[in-house]
Amino acid sequence: MTRTNDIFEGGKKLPLMEEFYTLQGEGFNMGLAAYFVRIGGCDVGCSWCDTKPSWDAKHFPPADTAEIARRAAAFPAKTVVVTGGEPSLYPLDYFTQLLHQLGVKTMVETSGAHPLSGIWDWICLSPKKNAPPRPEIYPKAHELKVVIQNQNDLEWAEKNAALVKPDCLLFLQPEWSVSQKIMPWLTEYIMNNPRWRMSLQSHKYMLIP
């Protein structure tokens, strides 16, 4: 799997896993309506990933990017969140240019493991230990969201927080399967380190996509 694979025609096609209109469930934009575009393909391989079916891009035939953009623009929020999988595996300049031409705000969630293309109004960097972000992504991030499974992950979070720009928003997000168990000490950590905020997967509480 490469970013330059000819079947994607320079970003005019993308391996679309799913698309849907819902509320953003996590991070700074939690609760805002947005059109989600989930791109198949990921080589990061987080053990706790809740979208493992997205990992193999071969399961998702290339879809026409212009058609995706037109469908997204038809919804009232005029905001698209590109997620995955790992979006940075693909050329996204063409897609984001189309969205901006249609008056749609562009947001992305990425591990930063590969060079990120595209024109983005909001970049959520969610770094993973087994495939750390590329150095150039840190100053571009508007939001740093670190998934926490255990107390050792706090050291990883602080390491990444030291690399983003000063006005980047910092979030710790309990991994869903252990969230109730770790919530007491994670809450205490944020109270003692108030530059961090808590991010919850509110869409799972609301039972929405």
N, C-alpha and C. Protein backbone atom coordinates (compact mmCIF):
# COMPACT_ATOMS: atom_id res chain seq x y z
N MET A 1 0.84 -1.19 0.00
CA MET A 1 0.00 0.00 0.00
C MET A 1 0.88 1.24 0.00
N THR A 2 0.74 2.09 -1.03
CA THR A 2 1.52 3.31 -1.10
C THR A 2 0.62 4.49 -1.42
N ARG A 3 1.10 5.67 -1.07
CA ARG A 3 0.35 6.90 -1.32
C ARG A 3 0.21 7.18 -2.80
N THR A 4 1.13 6.68 -3.62
CA THR A 4 1.17 7.06 -5.03
C THR A 4 0.59 5.99 -5.94
N ASN A 5 -0.11 5.05 -5.38
CA ASN A 5 -0.66 3.95 -6.17
C ASN A 5 -1.53 4.51 -7.30
N ASP A 6 -1.28 4.06 -8.52
CA ASP A 6 -1.97 4.60 -9.69
C ASP A 6 -3.48 4.44 -9.63
N ILE A 7 -3.99 3.44 -8.89
CA ILE A 7 -5.43 3.22 -8.88
C ILE A 7 -6.17 4.37 -8.21
N PHE A 8 -5.44 5.22 -7.47
CA PHE A 8 -6.10 6.35 -6.81
C PHE A 8 -6.01 7.64 -7.62
N GLU A 9 -5.35 7.58 -8.78
CA GLU A 9 -5.33 8.68 -9.74
C GLU A 9 -5.00 10.02 -9.09
N GLY A 10 -3.96 10.02 -8.26
CA GLY A 10 -3.54 11.27 -7.65
C GLY A 10 -4.54 11.85 -6.67
N GLY A 11 -5.39 11.02 -6.13
CA GLY A 11 -6.38 11.48 -5.17
C GLY A 11 -7.77 11.69 -5.75
N LYS A 12 -7.94 11.45 -7.04
CA LYS A 12 -9.28 11.57 -7.64
C LYS A 12 -10.16 10.39 -7.27
N LYS A 13 -9.52 9.35 -6.75
CA LYS A 13 -10.24 8.22 -6.18
C LYS A 13 -9.62 7.88 -4.83
N LEU A 14 -10.44 7.37 -3.92
CA LEU A 14 -9.97 6.98 -2.60
C LEU A 14 -10.67 5.70 -2.16
N PRO A 15 -10.00 4.85 -1.36
CA PRO A 15 -10.63 3.61 -0.90
C PRO A 15 -11.63 3.90 0.22
N LEU A 16 -12.83 4.27 -0.17
CA LEU A 16 -13.86 4.69 0.79
C LEU A 16 -14.42 3.49 1.54
N MET A 17 -14.28 3.50 2.85
CA MET A 17 -14.88 2.45 3.68
C MET A 17 -16.33 2.78 4.00
N GLU A 18 -16.56 4.02 4.45
CA GLU A 18 -17.92 4.45 4.79
C GLU A 18 -17.97 5.96 4.87
N GLU A 19 -19.16 6.49 4.76
CA GLU A 19 -19.39 7.92 4.92
C GLU A 19 -20.75 8.09 5.59
N PHE A 20 -20.85 9.06 6.50
CA PHE A 20 -22.09 9.24 7.24
C PHE A 20 -22.11 10.60 7.90
N TYR A 21 -23.30 11.09 8.13
CA TYR A 21 -23.52 12.39 8.77
C TYR A 21 -23.92 12.14 10.21
N THR A 22 -23.19 12.77 11.14
CA THR A 22 -23.44 12.51 12.56
C THR A 22 -22.88 13.67 13.38
N LEU A 23 -22.70 13.45 14.67
CA LEU A 23 -22.04 14.41 15.54
C LEU A 23 -20.62 13.94 15.85
N GLN A 24 -19.69 14.87 15.88
CA GLN A 24 -18.34 14.53 16.30
C GLN A 24 -18.38 14.08 17.75
N GLY A 25 -17.77 12.93 18.03
CA GLY A 25 -17.88 12.36 19.36
C GLY A 25 -16.70 12.64 20.28
N GLU A 26 -15.59 13.15 19.74
CA GLU A 26 -14.36 13.22 20.53
C GLU A 26 -13.68 14.57 20.40
N GLY A 27 -12.82 14.87 21.36
CA GLY A 27 -11.93 16.00 21.26
C GLY A 27 -12.60 17.36 21.32
N PHE A 28 -11.90 18.37 20.80
CA PHE A 28 -12.35 19.75 20.91
C PHE A 28 -13.69 19.99 20.23
N ASN A 29 -13.93 19.32 19.10
CA ASN A 29 -15.15 19.55 18.32
C ASN A 29 -16.30 18.62 18.70
N MET A 30 -16.20 17.99 19.85
CA MET A 30 -17.25 17.09 20.32
C MET A 30 -18.60 17.78 20.31
N GLY A 31 -19.58 17.09 19.74
CA GLY A 31 -20.94 17.60 19.72
C GLY A 31 -21.30 18.36 18.46
N LEU A 32 -20.32 18.68 17.62
CA LEU A 32 -20.60 19.40 16.38
C LEU A 32 -21.00 18.43 15.28
N ALA A 33 -21.96 18.84 14.46
CA ALA A 33 -22.36 18.02 13.33
C ALA A 33 -21.28 18.03 12.25
N ALA A 34 -21.07 16.90 11.61
CA ALA A 34 -20.07 16.80 10.55
C ALA A 34 -20.34 15.57 9.70
N TYR A 35 -19.85 15.62 8.48
CA TYR A 35 -19.93 14.49 7.55
C TYR A 35 -18.61 13.75 7.64
N PHE A 36 -18.67 12.48 8.03
CA PHE A 36 -17.46 11.69 8.22
C PHE A 36 -17.15 10.87 6.98
N VAL A 37 -15.90 10.92 6.56
CA VAL A 37 -15.42 10.13 5.43
C VAL A 37 -14.31 9.23 5.97
N ARG A 38 -14.60 7.94 6.06
CA ARG A 38 -13.62 6.99 6.58
C ARG A 38 -12.93 6.29 5.42
N ILE A 39 -11.61 6.49 5.35
CA ILE A 39 -10.81 5.92 4.27
C ILE A 39 -10.19 4.61 4.76
N GLY A 40 -10.28 3.58 3.95
CA GLY A 40 -9.72 2.28 4.31
C GLY A 40 -8.21 2.26 4.13
N GLY A 41 -7.57 1.44 4.95
CA GLY A 41 -6.12 1.27 4.87
C GLY A 41 -5.42 1.86 6.07
N CYS A 42 -4.71 1.02 6.82
CA CYS A 42 -3.93 1.49 7.96
C CYS A 42 -2.80 0.50 8.23
N ASP A 43 -1.60 1.04 8.43
CA ASP A 43 -0.45 0.18 8.74
C ASP A 43 0.08 0.46 10.15
N VAL A 44 -0.72 1.13 10.98
CA VAL A 44 -0.31 1.44 12.35
C VAL A 44 -0.61 0.27 13.27
N GLY A 45 -1.82 -0.28 13.17
CA GLY A 45 -2.15 -1.53 13.85
C GLY A 45 -2.29 -1.46 15.36
N CYS A 46 -3.06 -0.51 15.87
CA CYS A 46 -3.27 -0.42 17.32
C CYS A 46 -4.09 -1.61 17.81
N SER A 47 -3.66 -2.23 18.89
CA SER A 47 -4.34 -3.42 19.40
C SER A 47 -5.76 -3.12 19.84
N TRP A 48 -6.02 -1.89 20.28
CA TRP A 48 -7.33 -1.52 20.80
C TRP A 48 -8.20 -0.81 19.75
N CYS A 49 -7.76 -0.78 18.53
CA CYS A 49 -8.51 -0.09 17.47
C CYS A 49 -9.95 -0.60 17.39
N ASP A 50 -10.91 0.33 17.32
CA ASP A 50 -12.32 -0.08 17.23
C ASP A 50 -12.81 -0.11 15.80
N THR A 51 -11.92 0.09 14.84
CA THR A 51 -12.30 -0.02 13.42
C THR A 51 -11.28 -0.88 12.67
N LYS A 52 -10.95 -2.02 13.23
CA LYS A 52 -9.98 -2.91 12.58
C LYS A 52 -10.40 -3.35 11.18
N PRO A 53 -11.70 -3.44 10.86
CA PRO A 53 -12.06 -3.78 9.47
C PRO A 53 -11.56 -2.76 8.45
N SER A 54 -11.15 -1.58 8.91
CA SER A 54 -10.65 -0.56 7.98
C SER A 54 -9.21 -0.79 7.55
N TRP A 55 -8.50 -1.69 8.19
CA TRP A 55 -7.06 -1.79 7.99
C TRP A 55 -6.65 -2.17 6.58
N ASP A 56 -7.37 -3.09 5.95
CA ASP A 56 -6.98 -3.59 4.62
C ASP A 56 -7.72 -2.83 3.53
N ALA A 57 -7.01 -1.94 2.86
CA ALA A 57 -7.63 -1.09 1.84
C ALA A 57 -8.17 -1.89 0.66
N LYS A 58 -7.68 -3.11 0.46
CA LYS A 58 -8.13 -3.91 -0.68
C LYS A 58 -9.61 -4.27 -0.58
N HIS A 59 -10.16 -4.15 0.61
CA HIS A 59 -11.59 -4.44 0.78
C HIS A 59 -12.49 -3.31 0.30
N PHE A 60 -11.88 -2.15 -0.06
CA PHE A 60 -12.67 -0.97 -0.37
C PHE A 60 -12.27 -0.44 -1.74
N PRO A 61 -13.06 -0.75 -2.78
CA PRO A 61 -12.74 -0.30 -4.13
C PRO A 61 -12.63 1.21 -4.20
N PRO A 62 -11.72 1.73 -5.02
CA PRO A 62 -11.57 3.18 -5.14
C PRO A 62 -12.88 3.85 -5.55
N ALA A 63 -13.25 4.88 -4.80
CA ALA A 63 -14.49 5.62 -5.05
C ALA A 63 -14.14 7.01 -5.59
N ASP A 64 -15.03 7.55 -6.40
CA ASP A 64 -14.82 8.84 -7.03
C ASP A 64 -14.84 9.95 -5.97
N THR A 65 -13.72 10.66 -5.83
CA THR A 65 -13.57 11.67 -4.79
C THR A 65 -14.53 12.84 -4.99
N ALA A 66 -14.76 13.23 -6.25
CA ALA A 66 -15.66 14.35 -6.52
C ALA A 66 -17.08 14.03 -6.08
N GLU A 67 -17.48 12.77 -6.26
CA GLU A 67 -18.82 12.37 -5.82
C GLU A 67 -18.93 12.40 -4.29
N ILE A 68 -17.88 11.98 -3.62
CA ILE A 68 -17.88 12.05 -2.15
C ILE A 68 -18.02 13.49 -1.70
N ALA A 69 -17.27 14.39 -2.33
CA ALA A 69 -17.32 15.80 -1.96
C ALA A 69 -18.71 16.39 -2.19
N ARG A 70 -19.34 16.04 -3.28
CA ARG A 70 -20.69 16.56 -3.57
C ARG A 70 -21.70 16.05 -2.54
N ARG A 71 -21.59 14.79 -2.17
CA ARG A 71 -22.50 14.26 -1.15
C ARG A 71 -22.30 14.97 0.18
N ALA A 72 -21.06 15.19 0.54
CA ALA A 72 -20.76 15.86 1.81
C ALA A 72 -21.31 17.28 1.83
N ALA A 73 -21.17 17.98 0.71
CA ALA A 73 -21.60 19.38 0.64
C ALA A 73 -23.11 19.54 0.72
N ALA A 74 -23.84 18.47 0.51
CA ALA A 74 -25.30 18.54 0.54
C ALA A 74 -25.86 18.62 1.96
N PHE A 75 -25.03 18.36 2.97
CA PHE A 75 -25.50 18.34 4.35
C PHE A 75 -25.31 19.70 5.01
N PRO A 76 -26.18 20.04 5.97
CA PRO A 76 -26.19 21.39 6.53
C PRO A 76 -24.92 21.84 7.22
N ALA A 77 -24.17 20.94 7.84
CA ALA A 77 -23.03 21.35 8.65
C ALA A 77 -21.89 21.94 7.83
N LYS A 78 -21.78 21.53 6.57
CA LYS A 78 -20.69 22.00 5.70
C LYS A 78 -19.32 21.80 6.36
N THR A 79 -19.17 20.62 6.97
CA THR A 79 -17.91 20.24 7.61
C THR A 79 -17.67 18.77 7.32
N VAL A 80 -16.46 18.44 6.91
CA VAL A 80 -16.07 17.05 6.66
C VAL A 80 -14.93 16.68 7.60
N VAL A 81 -15.05 15.51 8.23
CA VAL A 81 -13.97 14.93 9.01
C VAL A 81 -13.45 13.71 8.26
N VAL A 82 -12.20 13.75 7.85
CA VAL A 82 -11.58 12.62 7.17
C VAL A 82 -10.84 11.79 8.22
N THR A 83 -11.20 10.51 8.28
CA THR A 83 -10.62 9.63 9.27
C THR A 83 -10.31 8.29 8.62
N GLY A 84 -9.94 7.30 9.42
CA GLY A 84 -9.57 6.02 8.83
C GLY A 84 -9.80 4.86 9.75
N GLY A 85 -8.98 3.85 9.50
CA GLY A 85 -7.77 3.84 8.69
C GLY A 85 -6.81 4.98 9.06
N GLU A 86 -5.89 5.20 8.14
CA GLU A 86 -4.92 6.27 8.27
C GLU A 86 -4.94 7.12 7.01
N PRO A 87 -5.56 8.32 7.08
CA PRO A 87 -5.71 9.15 5.89
C PRO A 87 -4.41 9.57 5.24
N SER A 88 -3.34 9.68 6.02
CA SER A 88 -2.09 10.19 5.44
C SER A 88 -1.43 9.22 4.48
N LEU A 89 -1.99 8.04 4.30
CA LEU A 89 -1.47 7.11 3.30
C LEU A 89 -1.81 7.54 1.88
N TYR A 90 -2.70 8.54 1.73
CA TYR A 90 -3.24 8.87 0.41
C TYR A 90 -3.06 10.35 0.09
N PRO A 91 -3.00 10.69 -1.20
CA PRO A 91 -2.93 12.10 -1.61
C PRO A 91 -4.30 12.75 -1.44
N LEU A 92 -4.35 13.80 -0.64
CA LEU A 92 -5.63 14.40 -0.27
C LEU A 92 -5.77 15.86 -0.71
N ASP A 93 -4.81 16.36 -1.49
CA ASP A 93 -4.91 17.74 -1.97
C ASP A 93 -6.16 17.95 -2.82
N TYR A 94 -6.38 17.05 -3.77
CA TYR A 94 -7.51 17.20 -4.68
C TYR A 94 -8.83 17.20 -3.92
N PHE A 95 -8.99 16.28 -3.00
CA PHE A 95 -10.23 16.17 -2.23
C PHE A 95 -10.48 17.43 -1.41
N THR A 96 -9.48 17.89 -0.69
CA THR A 96 -9.69 19.07 0.16
C THR A 96 -9.90 20.33 -0.67
N GLN A 97 -9.27 20.43 -1.83
CA GLN A 97 -9.52 21.57 -2.71
C GLN A 97 -10.97 21.58 -3.17
N LEU A 98 -11.47 20.43 -3.55
CA LEU A 98 -12.88 20.33 -3.95
C LEU A 98 -13.81 20.75 -2.83
N LEU A 99 -13.53 20.26 -1.62
CA LEU A 99 -14.39 20.59 -0.49
C LEU A 99 -14.40 22.09 -0.22
N HIS A 100 -13.25 22.73 -0.27
CA HIS A 100 -13.19 24.17 -0.05
C HIS A 100 -13.93 24.93 -1.14
N GLN A 101 -13.81 24.45 -2.38
CA GLN A 101 -14.55 25.09 -3.48
C GLN A 101 -16.06 25.00 -3.26
N LEU A 102 -16.49 23.95 -2.57
CA LEU A 102 -17.91 23.75 -2.29
C LEU A 102 -18.33 24.40 -0.97
N GLY A 103 -17.41 25.12 -0.34
CA GLY A 103 -17.73 25.81 0.90
C GLY A 103 -17.76 24.92 2.12
N VAL A 104 -17.00 23.82 2.08
CA VAL A 104 -17.00 22.84 3.16
C VAL A 104 -15.70 22.96 3.96
N LYS A 105 -15.82 23.01 5.28
CA LYS A 105 -14.67 23.04 6.18
C LYS A 105 -14.05 21.65 6.24
N THR A 106 -12.72 21.59 6.28
CA THR A 106 -12.02 20.30 6.25
C THR A 106 -11.31 20.03 7.57
N MET A 107 -11.53 18.83 8.10
CA MET A 107 -10.88 18.37 9.31
C MET A 107 -10.33 16.98 9.07
N VAL A 108 -9.26 16.63 9.76
CA VAL A 108 -8.66 15.31 9.61
C VAL A 108 -8.20 14.80 10.96
N GLU A 109 -8.30 13.49 11.14
CA GLU A 109 -7.67 12.84 12.29
C GLU A 109 -6.62 11.89 11.77
N THR A 110 -5.39 12.05 12.26
CA THR A 110 -4.27 11.27 11.74
C THR A 110 -3.31 10.90 12.86
N SER A 111 -2.65 9.77 12.69
CA SER A 111 -1.59 9.39 13.61
C SER A 111 -0.30 10.15 13.32
N GLY A 112 -0.23 10.75 12.13
CA GLY A 112 0.98 11.46 11.73
C GLY A 112 2.11 10.56 11.31
N ALA A 113 1.82 9.29 11.09
CA ALA A 113 2.87 8.32 10.76
C ALA A 113 3.42 8.50 9.35
N HIS A 114 2.68 9.20 8.49
CA HIS A 114 3.12 9.44 7.11
C HIS A 114 2.96 10.92 6.79
N PRO A 115 3.61 11.40 5.74
CA PRO A 115 3.44 12.81 5.37
C PRO A 115 1.97 13.11 5.06
N LEU A 116 1.46 14.19 5.62
CA LEU A 116 0.05 14.54 5.45
C LEU A 116 -0.11 15.55 4.33
N SER A 117 -0.88 15.17 3.32
CA SER A 117 -1.21 16.10 2.24
C SER A 117 -2.60 16.68 2.51
N GLY A 118 -2.99 17.66 1.71
CA GLY A 118 -4.31 18.26 1.87
C GLY A 118 -4.24 19.64 2.50
N ILE A 119 -5.34 20.35 2.36
CA ILE A 119 -5.50 21.71 2.92
C ILE A 119 -6.53 21.60 4.04
N TRP A 120 -6.09 21.78 5.27
CA TRP A 120 -6.93 21.45 6.42
C TRP A 120 -7.23 22.66 7.29
N ASP A 121 -8.51 22.79 7.65
CA ASP A 121 -8.91 23.81 8.61
C ASP A 121 -8.67 23.35 10.04
N TRP A 122 -8.61 22.03 10.23
CA TRP A 122 -8.38 21.50 11.57
C TRP A 122 -7.66 20.16 11.47
N ILE A 123 -6.56 20.04 12.18
CA ILE A 123 -5.80 18.79 12.21
C ILE A 123 -5.77 18.26 13.63
N CYS A 124 -6.33 17.08 13.81
CA CYS A 124 -6.26 16.37 15.09
C CYS A 124 -5.18 15.32 14.97
N LEU A 125 -4.13 15.48 15.74
CA LEU A 125 -3.02 14.52 15.75
C LEU A 125 -3.24 13.55 16.90
N SER A 126 -3.34 12.27 16.56
CA SER A 126 -3.53 11.23 17.58
C SER A 126 -2.36 10.26 17.48
N PRO A 127 -1.27 10.54 18.18
CA PRO A 127 -0.03 9.77 18.01
C PRO A 127 -0.11 8.37 18.60
N LYS A 128 0.56 7.44 17.93
CA LYS A 128 0.59 6.05 18.37
C LYS A 128 2.04 5.61 18.58
N LYS A 129 2.28 4.88 19.66
CA LYS A 129 3.64 4.50 20.03
C LYS A 129 4.32 3.62 18.97
N ASN A 130 3.56 2.71 18.37
CA ASN A 130 4.16 1.76 17.43
C ASN A 130 4.41 2.35 16.05
N ALA A 131 3.97 3.59 15.81
CA ALA A 131 4.25 4.30 14.56
C ALA A 131 4.23 5.79 14.85
N PRO A 132 5.28 6.31 15.50
CA PRO A 132 5.29 7.70 15.96
C PRO A 132 5.10 8.70 14.82
N PRO A 133 4.58 9.87 15.15
CA PRO A 133 4.38 10.91 14.13
C PRO A 133 5.69 11.37 13.50
N ARG A 134 5.59 11.80 12.27
CA ARG A 134 6.72 12.44 11.61
C ARG A 134 6.93 13.82 12.22
N PRO A 135 8.16 14.28 12.35
CA PRO A 135 8.42 15.54 13.03
C PRO A 135 7.66 16.74 12.46
N GLU A 136 7.44 16.75 11.14
CA GLU A 136 6.83 17.93 10.53
C GLU A 136 5.35 18.09 10.85
N ILE A 137 4.71 17.04 11.37
CA ILE A 137 3.28 17.14 11.67
C ILE A 137 3.00 17.91 12.95
N TYR A 138 3.93 17.89 13.90
CA TYR A 138 3.67 18.49 15.22
C TYR A 138 3.30 19.97 15.14
N PRO A 139 4.04 20.82 14.43
CA PRO A 139 3.67 22.24 14.41
C PRO A 139 2.39 22.53 13.64
N LYS A 140 1.89 21.56 12.89
CA LYS A 140 0.66 21.77 12.12
C LYS A 140 -0.60 21.42 12.92
N ALA A 141 -0.45 20.68 14.00
CA ALA A 141 -1.60 20.16 14.74
C ALA A 141 -2.32 21.26 15.51
N HIS A 142 -3.65 21.27 15.38
CA HIS A 142 -4.48 22.17 16.18
C HIS A 142 -4.87 21.50 17.50
N GLU A 143 -4.85 20.19 17.47
CA GLU A 143 -5.32 19.40 18.61
C GLU A 143 -4.47 18.14 18.73
N LEU A 144 -4.03 17.84 19.94
CA LEU A 144 -3.31 16.60 20.22
C LEU A 144 -4.22 15.75 21.09
N LYS A 145 -4.54 14.56 20.61
CA LYS A 145 -5.45 13.66 21.34
C LYS A 145 -4.74 12.33 21.54
N VAL A 146 -4.43 12.02 22.79
CA VAL A 146 -3.66 10.83 23.10
C VAL A 146 -4.56 9.81 23.81
N VAL A 147 -4.64 8.63 23.24
CA VAL A 147 -5.44 7.56 23.84
C VAL A 147 -4.64 6.94 24.99
N ILE A 148 -5.30 6.79 26.14
CA ILE A 148 -4.65 6.30 27.35
C ILE A 148 -5.23 4.96 27.76
N GLN A 149 -4.35 3.95 27.89
CA GLN A 149 -4.75 2.64 28.40
C GLN A 149 -4.27 2.41 29.82
N ASN A 150 -3.08 2.92 30.13
CA ASN A 150 -2.49 2.72 31.44
C ASN A 150 -1.63 3.92 31.79
N GLN A 151 -1.13 3.95 33.01
CA GLN A 151 -0.39 5.12 33.48
C GLN A 151 0.91 5.35 32.71
N ASN A 152 1.49 4.32 32.14
CA ASN A 152 2.70 4.48 31.34
C ASN A 152 2.45 5.34 30.10
N ASP A 153 1.20 5.36 29.64
CA ASP A 153 0.87 6.16 28.46
C ASP A 153 0.95 7.66 28.72
N LEU A 154 0.91 8.05 29.98
CA LEU A 154 1.00 9.47 30.30
C LEU A 154 2.36 10.03 29.92
N GLU A 155 3.41 9.23 30.06
CA GLU A 155 4.74 9.66 29.65
C GLU A 155 4.79 9.90 28.15
N TRP A 156 4.15 9.01 27.39
CA TRP A 156 4.06 9.17 25.93
C TRP A 156 3.29 10.44 25.58
N ALA A 157 2.21 10.71 26.31
CA ALA A 157 1.42 11.91 26.06
C ALA A 157 2.24 13.17 26.29
N GLU A 158 2.98 13.21 27.39
CA GLU A 158 3.77 14.39 27.69
C GLU A 158 4.91 14.58 26.68
N LYS A 159 5.48 13.49 26.21
CA LYS A 159 6.54 13.57 25.20
C LYS A 159 6.00 14.24 23.94
N ASN A 160 4.80 13.88 23.53
CA ASN A 160 4.20 14.48 22.34
C ASN A 160 3.76 15.91 22.58
N ALA A 161 3.27 16.19 23.77
CA ALA A 161 2.83 17.55 24.09
C ALA A 161 3.99 18.53 24.03
N ALA A 162 5.20 18.07 24.30
CA ALA A 162 6.38 18.94 24.26
C ALA A 162 6.76 19.31 22.84
N LEU A 163 6.17 18.66 21.85
CA LEU A 163 6.58 18.86 20.46
C LEU A 163 5.58 19.68 19.65
N VAL A 164 4.36 19.86 20.14
CA VAL A 164 3.37 20.64 19.40
C VAL A 164 3.54 22.12 19.72
N LYS A 165 2.87 22.97 18.93
CA LYS A 165 2.98 24.41 19.16
C LYS A 165 2.25 24.80 20.45
N PRO A 166 2.59 25.93 21.05
CA PRO A 166 2.05 26.30 22.36
C PRO A 166 0.53 26.40 22.42
N ASP A 167 -0.12 26.78 21.31
CA ASP A 167 -1.57 26.94 21.34
C ASP A 167 -2.33 25.69 20.90
N CYS A 168 -1.62 24.59 20.70
CA CYS A 168 -2.28 23.32 20.37
C CYS A 168 -3.06 22.84 21.59
N LEU A 169 -4.30 22.42 21.38
CA LEU A 169 -5.14 21.94 22.47
C LEU A 169 -4.78 20.50 22.82
N LEU A 170 -4.70 20.19 24.10
CA LEU A 170 -4.22 18.89 24.56
C LEU A 170 -5.34 18.09 25.20
N PHE A 171 -5.54 16.84 24.70
CA PHE A 171 -6.59 15.97 25.21
C PHE A 171 -6.04 14.59 25.56
N LEU A 172 -6.49 14.07 26.68
CA LEU A 172 -6.25 12.67 27.04
C LEU A 172 -7.58 11.95 26.91
N GLN A 173 -7.58 10.82 26.22
CA GLN A 173 -8.81 10.08 25.98
C GLN A 173 -8.68 8.65 26.49
N PRO A 174 -9.47 8.26 27.49
CA PRO A 174 -9.40 6.89 27.98
C PRO A 174 -9.83 5.89 26.92
N GLU A 175 -9.03 4.85 26.74
CA GLU A 175 -9.41 3.80 25.80
C GLU A 175 -10.70 3.15 26.29
N TRP A 176 -11.64 2.96 25.39
CA TRP A 176 -13.01 2.64 25.75
C TRP A 176 -13.13 1.42 26.65
N SER A 177 -12.40 0.36 26.35
CA SER A 177 -12.59 -0.89 27.08
C SER A 177 -12.12 -0.81 28.53
N VAL A 178 -11.29 0.18 28.86
CA VAL A 178 -10.80 0.32 30.24
C VAL A 178 -11.19 1.67 30.84
N SER A 179 -12.07 2.39 30.17
CA SER A 179 -12.35 3.77 30.57
C SER A 179 -12.86 3.89 32.00
N GLN A 180 -13.75 3.00 32.40
CA GLN A 180 -14.29 3.10 33.76
C GLN A 180 -13.22 2.78 34.81
N LYS A 181 -12.34 1.87 34.48
CA LYS A 181 -11.29 1.47 35.41
C LYS A 181 -10.27 2.58 35.64
N ILE A 182 -9.89 3.27 34.56
CA ILE A 182 -8.82 4.25 34.68
C ILE A 182 -9.32 5.67 34.94
N MET A 183 -10.61 5.89 34.86
CA MET A 183 -11.13 7.25 34.96
C MET A 183 -10.72 7.96 36.25
N PRO A 184 -10.71 7.30 37.42
CA PRO A 184 -10.33 8.03 38.65
C PRO A 184 -8.93 8.64 38.59
N TRP A 185 -7.91 7.83 38.21
CA TRP A 185 -6.57 8.40 38.21
C TRP A 185 -6.31 9.31 37.01
N LEU A 186 -7.02 9.07 35.90
CA LEU A 186 -6.86 9.98 34.76
C LEU A 186 -7.48 11.34 35.07
N THR A 187 -8.61 11.34 35.74
CA THR A 187 -9.23 12.59 36.18
C THR A 187 -8.30 13.35 37.11
N GLU A 188 -7.71 12.65 38.06
CA GLU A 188 -6.80 13.29 39.00
C GLU A 188 -5.58 13.87 38.28
N TYR A 189 -5.07 13.12 37.28
CA TYR A 189 -3.91 13.60 36.54
C TYR A 189 -4.22 14.93 35.85
N ILE A 190 -5.40 15.02 35.24
CA ILE A 190 -5.76 16.26 34.55
C ILE A 190 -5.97 17.40 35.54
N MET A 191 -6.53 17.11 36.70
CA MET A 191 -6.69 18.15 37.71
C MET A 191 -5.34 18.67 38.18
N ASN A 192 -4.35 17.80 38.22
CA ASN A 192 -3.00 18.20 38.63
C ASN A 192 -2.19 18.80 37.48
N ASN A 193 -2.65 18.57 36.25
CA ASN A 193 -1.96 19.06 35.05
C ASN A 193 -3.01 19.70 34.14
N PRO A 194 -3.52 20.87 34.52
CA PRO A 194 -4.73 21.41 33.88
C PRO A 194 -4.56 21.94 32.47
N ARG A 195 -3.37 21.86 31.91
CA ARG A 195 -3.28 22.20 30.49
C ARG A 195 -3.90 21.11 29.63
N TRP A 196 -4.05 19.92 30.21
CA TRP A 196 -4.74 18.83 29.52
C TRP A 196 -6.24 18.92 29.75
N ARG A 197 -7.01 18.40 28.79
CA ARG A 197 -8.46 18.26 28.92
C ARG A 197 -8.82 16.78 28.74
N MET A 198 -9.98 16.40 29.22
CA MET A 198 -10.47 15.04 29.02
C MET A 198 -11.26 14.96 27.72
N SER A 199 -11.01 13.95 26.94
CA SER A 199 -11.82 13.64 25.76
C SER A 199 -12.50 12.30 25.99
N LEU A 200 -13.81 12.27 25.81
CA LEU A 200 -14.57 11.03 25.94
C LEU A 200 -15.17 10.66 24.60
N GLN A 201 -15.34 9.39 24.36
CA GLN A 201 -15.98 8.94 23.12
C GLN A 201 -17.49 9.05 23.30
N SER A 202 -17.96 10.28 23.25
CA SER A 202 -19.37 10.56 23.59
C SER A 202 -20.34 9.89 22.62
N HIS A 203 -19.91 9.63 21.39
CA HIS A 203 -20.80 8.98 20.43
C HIS A 203 -21.17 7.56 20.89
N LYS A 204 -20.27 6.94 21.65
CA LYS A 204 -20.58 5.60 22.16
C LYS A 204 -21.60 5.66 23.29
N TYR A 205 -21.53 6.73 24.07
CA TYR A 205 -22.56 6.93 25.10
C TYR A 205 -23.90 7.28 24.45
N MET A 206 -23.86 8.04 23.36
CA MET A 206 -25.10 8.46 22.69
C MET A 206 -25.65 7.40 21.74
N LEU A 207 -24.86 6.34 21.51
CA LEU A 207 -25.27 5.26 20.61
C LEU A 207 -25.54 5.78 19.20
N ILE A 208 -24.60 6.61 18.73
CA ILE A 208 -24.67 7.10 17.35
C ILE A 208 -23.37 6.74 16.64
N PRO A 209 -23.33 6.79 15.31
CA PRO A 209 -22.10 6.43 14.57
C PRO A 209 -20.93 7.32 14.96
